[in-house]
Amino acid sequence: MMSEPIRLIILCSWGATSSQLAVQVEKAAQKRNIELKADAGGTGEFKKKASEYDVALLEPQVRHLKKEVTKIGDENHVPVELVDQRAFGLMDGDKVLDQVLAILKK
């Protein structure tokens, strides 16, 4: 049975660091045989495509947008959380993957 891959979007202001982190999370997922598709994007893009995702993570530098992004997430039934700051600093895909899995279990 093919299960749908987890669809994650990592949001930052421009998409540069988030695309780097998205790659790390995908690599971590592959190692654990977890189907996951991680996209990177800006918060403006999320407004248009929120319904396409299962989870949205906000990078620390855009935490001031959490309220606005959470509202969009709520409207589309997408949980929004801040990326774990240490994991972000270390570009630790495994730790971020753990965070995503924890959010989905809730």
N, C-alpha and C. Protein backbone atom coordinates (compact mmCIF):
# COMPACT_ATOMS: atom_id res chain seq x y z
N MET A 1 0.83 -1.20 0.00
CA MET A 1 0.00 0.00 0.00
C MET A 1 0.87 1.26 0.00
N MET A 2 0.66 2.09 -0.95
CA MET A 2 1.44 3.33 -0.99
C MET A 2 0.76 4.38 -0.14
N SER A 3 1.49 4.84 0.86
CA SER A 3 0.90 5.92 1.64
C SER A 3 1.37 7.24 1.03
N GLU A 4 0.58 8.24 1.25
CA GLU A 4 0.93 9.56 0.73
C GLU A 4 2.17 10.07 1.45
N PRO A 5 3.08 10.69 0.75
CA PRO A 5 4.22 11.27 1.46
C PRO A 5 3.77 12.44 2.33
N ILE A 6 4.49 12.65 3.40
CA ILE A 6 4.25 13.81 4.26
C ILE A 6 4.67 15.04 3.46
N ARG A 7 3.84 16.06 3.45
CA ARG A 7 4.20 17.27 2.71
C ARG A 7 4.49 18.38 3.70
N LEU A 8 5.73 18.80 3.69
CA LEU A 8 6.23 19.80 4.63
C LEU A 8 6.63 21.05 3.86
N ILE A 9 6.34 22.20 4.43
CA ILE A 9 6.91 23.42 3.87
C ILE A 9 7.64 24.15 4.99
N ILE A 10 8.85 24.58 4.67
CA ILE A 10 9.66 25.34 5.61
C ILE A 10 9.67 26.78 5.11
N LEU A 11 9.22 27.68 5.96
CA LEU A 11 9.04 29.06 5.55
C LEU A 11 10.11 29.98 6.11
N CYS A 12 10.65 30.81 5.23
CA CYS A 12 11.53 31.87 5.70
C CYS A 12 11.20 33.10 4.85
N SER A 13 11.98 34.14 5.00
CA SER A 13 11.61 35.34 4.26
C SER A 13 11.88 35.19 2.76
N TRP A 14 13.01 34.60 2.41
CA TRP A 14 13.34 34.54 0.97
C TRP A 14 13.44 33.14 0.41
N GLY A 15 13.62 32.13 1.25
CA GLY A 15 13.71 30.78 0.72
C GLY A 15 15.12 30.22 0.62
N ALA A 16 16.13 31.00 0.96
CA ALA A 16 17.50 30.51 0.81
C ALA A 16 17.87 29.48 1.88
N THR A 17 17.78 29.86 3.15
CA THR A 17 18.13 28.90 4.20
C THR A 17 17.09 27.80 4.28
N SER A 18 15.85 28.11 3.99
CA SER A 18 14.83 27.08 4.11
C SER A 18 15.02 25.98 3.07
N SER A 19 15.53 26.32 1.87
CA SER A 19 15.71 25.26 0.88
C SER A 19 16.86 24.35 1.31
N GLN A 20 17.86 24.91 1.96
CA GLN A 20 18.97 24.12 2.48
C GLN A 20 18.45 23.14 3.54
N LEU A 21 17.62 23.65 4.45
CA LEU A 21 17.07 22.82 5.51
C LEU A 21 16.12 21.77 4.95
N ALA A 22 15.33 22.15 3.94
CA ALA A 22 14.40 21.21 3.31
C ALA A 22 15.15 20.00 2.76
N VAL A 23 16.30 20.24 2.15
CA VAL A 23 17.12 19.16 1.59
C VAL A 23 17.59 18.23 2.71
N GLN A 24 18.01 18.82 3.83
CA GLN A 24 18.49 18.02 4.96
C GLN A 24 17.38 17.15 5.55
N VAL A 25 16.16 17.71 5.63
CA VAL A 25 15.04 16.96 6.18
C VAL A 25 14.68 15.80 5.24
N GLU A 26 14.69 16.06 3.94
CA GLU A 26 14.41 14.99 2.97
C GLU A 26 15.45 13.88 3.07
N LYS A 27 16.72 14.25 3.23
CA LYS A 27 17.78 13.25 3.37
C LYS A 27 17.55 12.40 4.62
N ALA A 28 17.20 13.07 5.71
CA ALA A 28 16.95 12.36 6.98
C ALA A 28 15.78 11.39 6.81
N ALA A 29 14.74 11.83 6.11
CA ALA A 29 13.56 11.00 5.90
C ALA A 29 13.91 9.77 5.05
N GLN A 30 14.71 9.98 4.01
CA GLN A 30 15.13 8.87 3.13
C GLN A 30 15.84 7.80 3.93
N LYS A 31 16.75 8.24 4.82
CA LYS A 31 17.52 7.30 5.63
C LYS A 31 16.60 6.44 6.49
N ARG A 32 15.46 7.00 6.89
CA ARG A 32 14.54 6.26 7.76
C ARG A 32 13.38 5.64 6.97
N ASN A 33 13.50 5.68 5.65
CA ASN A 33 12.42 5.16 4.79
C ASN A 33 11.08 5.81 5.07
N ILE A 34 11.11 7.09 5.32
CA ILE A 34 9.87 7.85 5.51
C ILE A 34 9.66 8.66 4.24
N GLU A 35 8.45 8.57 3.71
CA GLU A 35 8.15 9.35 2.51
C GLU A 35 7.83 10.76 2.92
N LEU A 36 8.66 11.67 2.49
CA LEU A 36 8.45 13.07 2.85
C LEU A 36 8.92 13.96 1.72
N LYS A 37 8.12 14.96 1.43
CA LYS A 37 8.48 15.94 0.40
C LYS A 37 8.55 17.27 1.13
N ALA A 38 9.74 17.85 1.16
CA ALA A 38 9.91 19.13 1.85
C ALA A 38 10.10 20.25 0.83
N ASP A 39 9.29 21.26 0.93
CA ASP A 39 9.43 22.44 0.09
C ASP A 39 9.92 23.59 0.95
N ALA A 40 10.48 24.56 0.28
CA ALA A 40 10.90 25.77 0.96
C ALA A 40 10.17 26.92 0.31
N GLY A 41 9.81 27.88 1.09
CA GLY A 41 9.11 29.00 0.47
C GLY A 41 9.02 30.19 1.39
N GLY A 42 8.53 31.25 0.82
CA GLY A 42 8.28 32.45 1.61
C GLY A 42 6.87 32.39 2.15
N THR A 43 6.60 33.23 3.12
CA THR A 43 5.28 33.21 3.75
C THR A 43 4.19 33.64 2.77
N GLY A 44 4.51 34.47 1.80
CA GLY A 44 3.54 34.91 0.81
C GLY A 44 3.05 33.75 -0.04
N GLU A 45 4.00 32.87 -0.38
CA GLU A 45 3.70 31.69 -1.18
C GLU A 45 2.77 30.76 -0.40
N PHE A 46 3.01 30.66 0.89
CA PHE A 46 2.22 29.77 1.74
C PHE A 46 0.74 30.16 1.71
N LYS A 47 0.49 31.47 1.65
CA LYS A 47 -0.90 31.95 1.58
C LYS A 47 -1.63 31.31 0.41
N LYS A 48 -0.93 31.19 -0.72
CA LYS A 48 -1.56 30.67 -1.92
C LYS A 48 -1.68 29.14 -1.93
N LYS A 49 -0.70 28.48 -1.27
CA LYS A 49 -0.63 27.03 -1.42
C LYS A 49 -0.76 26.25 -0.12
N ALA A 50 -1.23 26.89 0.94
CA ALA A 50 -1.27 26.25 2.26
C ALA A 50 -1.95 24.89 2.25
N SER A 51 -3.05 24.79 1.51
CA SER A 51 -3.84 23.55 1.53
C SER A 51 -3.08 22.34 0.96
N GLU A 52 -1.96 22.59 0.30
CA GLU A 52 -1.19 21.49 -0.28
C GLU A 52 -0.29 20.80 0.73
N TYR A 53 -0.22 21.33 1.96
CA TYR A 53 0.74 20.80 2.93
C TYR A 53 0.10 20.16 4.15
N ASP A 54 0.90 19.32 4.80
CA ASP A 54 0.48 18.67 6.05
C ASP A 54 1.01 19.44 7.25
N VAL A 55 2.19 20.01 7.10
CA VAL A 55 2.85 20.72 8.19
C VAL A 55 3.61 21.92 7.62
N ALA A 56 3.59 23.01 8.36
CA ALA A 56 4.40 24.18 7.99
C ALA A 56 5.31 24.52 9.17
N LEU A 57 6.58 24.73 8.87
CA LEU A 57 7.52 25.14 9.91
C LEU A 57 8.06 26.52 9.56
N LEU A 58 8.09 27.36 10.57
CA LEU A 58 8.59 28.72 10.38
C LEU A 58 10.01 28.80 10.90
N GLU A 59 10.88 29.42 10.14
CA GLU A 59 12.25 29.60 10.61
C GLU A 59 12.29 30.70 11.67
N PRO A 60 13.29 30.62 12.56
CA PRO A 60 13.37 31.59 13.66
C PRO A 60 13.33 33.05 13.22
N GLN A 61 13.92 33.36 12.07
CA GLN A 61 13.97 34.77 11.67
C GLN A 61 12.63 35.33 11.20
N VAL A 62 11.63 34.47 11.02
CA VAL A 62 10.31 34.98 10.65
C VAL A 62 9.27 34.68 11.73
N ARG A 63 9.77 34.46 12.96
CA ARG A 63 8.84 34.11 14.05
C ARG A 63 7.81 35.19 14.29
N HIS A 64 8.13 36.44 13.93
CA HIS A 64 7.17 37.53 14.11
C HIS A 64 5.93 37.36 13.22
N LEU A 65 6.02 36.47 12.23
CA LEU A 65 4.88 36.25 11.33
C LEU A 65 4.04 35.06 11.77
N LYS A 66 4.39 34.46 12.92
CA LYS A 66 3.73 33.22 13.32
C LYS A 66 2.21 33.37 13.42
N LYS A 67 1.75 34.47 13.98
CA LYS A 67 0.31 34.66 14.16
C LYS A 67 -0.40 34.66 12.80
N GLU A 68 0.14 35.43 11.90
CA GLU A 68 -0.43 35.55 10.55
C GLU A 68 -0.41 34.20 9.82
N VAL A 69 0.73 33.51 9.90
CA VAL A 69 0.88 32.23 9.21
C VAL A 69 0.00 31.16 9.86
N THR A 70 -0.10 31.19 11.19
CA THR A 70 -0.94 30.22 11.90
C THR A 70 -2.40 30.38 11.49
N LYS A 71 -2.82 31.61 11.28
CA LYS A 71 -4.19 31.88 10.86
C LYS A 71 -4.45 31.20 9.50
N ILE A 72 -3.51 31.35 8.57
CA ILE A 72 -3.63 30.71 7.26
C ILE A 72 -3.61 29.19 7.43
N GLY A 73 -2.72 28.73 8.31
CA GLY A 73 -2.63 27.29 8.57
C GLY A 73 -3.94 26.75 9.11
N ASP A 74 -4.52 27.46 10.09
CA ASP A 74 -5.77 27.02 10.70
C ASP A 74 -6.88 26.91 9.67
N GLU A 75 -6.94 27.89 8.79
CA GLU A 75 -7.98 27.90 7.75
C GLU A 75 -7.84 26.69 6.82
N ASN A 76 -6.62 26.18 6.71
CA ASN A 76 -6.36 25.06 5.81
C ASN A 76 -6.02 23.76 6.55
N HIS A 77 -6.26 23.76 7.86
CA HIS A 77 -5.98 22.59 8.71
C HIS A 77 -4.52 22.15 8.60
N VAL A 78 -3.62 23.12 8.62
CA VAL A 78 -2.19 22.83 8.56
C VAL A 78 -1.56 23.35 9.85
N PRO A 79 -0.98 22.45 10.67
CA PRO A 79 -0.31 22.92 11.88
C PRO A 79 0.92 23.74 11.53
N VAL A 80 1.12 24.82 12.27
CA VAL A 80 2.26 25.71 12.04
C VAL A 80 3.07 25.79 13.33
N GLU A 81 4.35 25.51 13.24
CA GLU A 81 5.22 25.64 14.41
C GLU A 81 6.53 26.28 14.00
N LEU A 82 7.25 26.77 15.00
CA LEU A 82 8.58 27.31 14.73
C LEU A 82 9.56 26.14 14.67
N VAL A 83 10.50 26.23 13.74
CA VAL A 83 11.56 25.22 13.68
C VAL A 83 12.33 25.27 14.99
N ASP A 84 12.66 24.11 15.51
CA ASP A 84 13.51 24.05 16.68
C ASP A 84 14.79 24.85 16.40
N GLN A 85 15.07 25.82 17.28
CA GLN A 85 16.15 26.77 16.99
C GLN A 85 17.52 26.12 16.89
N ARG A 86 17.80 25.17 17.75
CA ARG A 86 19.10 24.49 17.68
C ARG A 86 19.22 23.69 16.40
N ALA A 87 18.15 22.98 16.08
CA ALA A 87 18.16 22.16 14.86
C ALA A 87 18.38 23.06 13.65
N PHE A 88 17.77 24.24 13.70
CA PHE A 88 17.92 25.18 12.60
C PHE A 88 19.36 25.65 12.50
N GLY A 89 19.93 26.03 13.63
CA GLY A 89 21.32 26.51 13.65
C GLY A 89 22.29 25.47 13.12
N LEU A 90 22.01 24.21 13.42
CA LEU A 90 22.90 23.13 13.00
C LEU A 90 22.49 22.53 11.65
N MET A 91 21.38 23.04 11.07
CA MET A 91 20.82 22.47 9.85
C MET A 91 20.65 20.96 10.05
N ASP A 92 20.09 20.59 11.19
CA ASP A 92 19.94 19.20 11.58
C ASP A 92 18.62 18.63 11.06
N GLY A 93 18.69 17.98 9.90
CA GLY A 93 17.49 17.44 9.27
C GLY A 93 16.78 16.40 10.11
N ASP A 94 17.57 15.59 10.85
CA ASP A 94 16.98 14.55 11.68
C ASP A 94 16.11 15.14 12.78
N LYS A 95 16.64 16.16 13.42
CA LYS A 95 15.92 16.78 14.53
C LYS A 95 14.65 17.45 14.03
N VAL A 96 14.74 18.08 12.88
CA VAL A 96 13.56 18.73 12.30
C VAL A 96 12.54 17.67 11.87
N LEU A 97 13.02 16.56 11.34
CA LEU A 97 12.13 15.46 10.97
C LEU A 97 11.39 14.93 12.21
N ASP A 98 12.13 14.78 13.32
CA ASP A 98 11.49 14.35 14.57
C ASP A 98 10.38 15.31 14.96
N GLN A 99 10.66 16.60 14.78
CA GLN A 99 9.69 17.63 15.13
C GLN A 99 8.43 17.48 14.26
N VAL A 100 8.62 17.28 12.97
CA VAL A 100 7.49 17.11 12.04
C VAL A 100 6.65 15.90 12.43
N LEU A 101 7.32 14.79 12.73
CA LEU A 101 6.61 13.56 13.10
C LEU A 101 5.83 13.76 14.40
N ALA A 102 6.42 14.50 15.33
CA ALA A 102 5.74 14.78 16.60
C ALA A 102 4.49 15.62 16.38
N ILE A 103 4.59 16.62 15.49
CA ILE A 103 3.45 17.48 15.20
C ILE A 103 2.31 16.65 14.60
N LEU A 104 2.65 15.73 13.70
CA LEU A 104 1.64 14.93 13.02
C LEU A 104 0.97 13.91 13.94
N LYS A 105 1.67 13.54 15.02
CA LYS A 105 1.08 12.58 15.97
C LYS A 105 0.04 13.22 16.85
N LYS A 106 0.13 14.54 16.99
CA LYS A 106 -0.77 15.26 17.92
C LYS A 106 -2.22 15.06 17.55
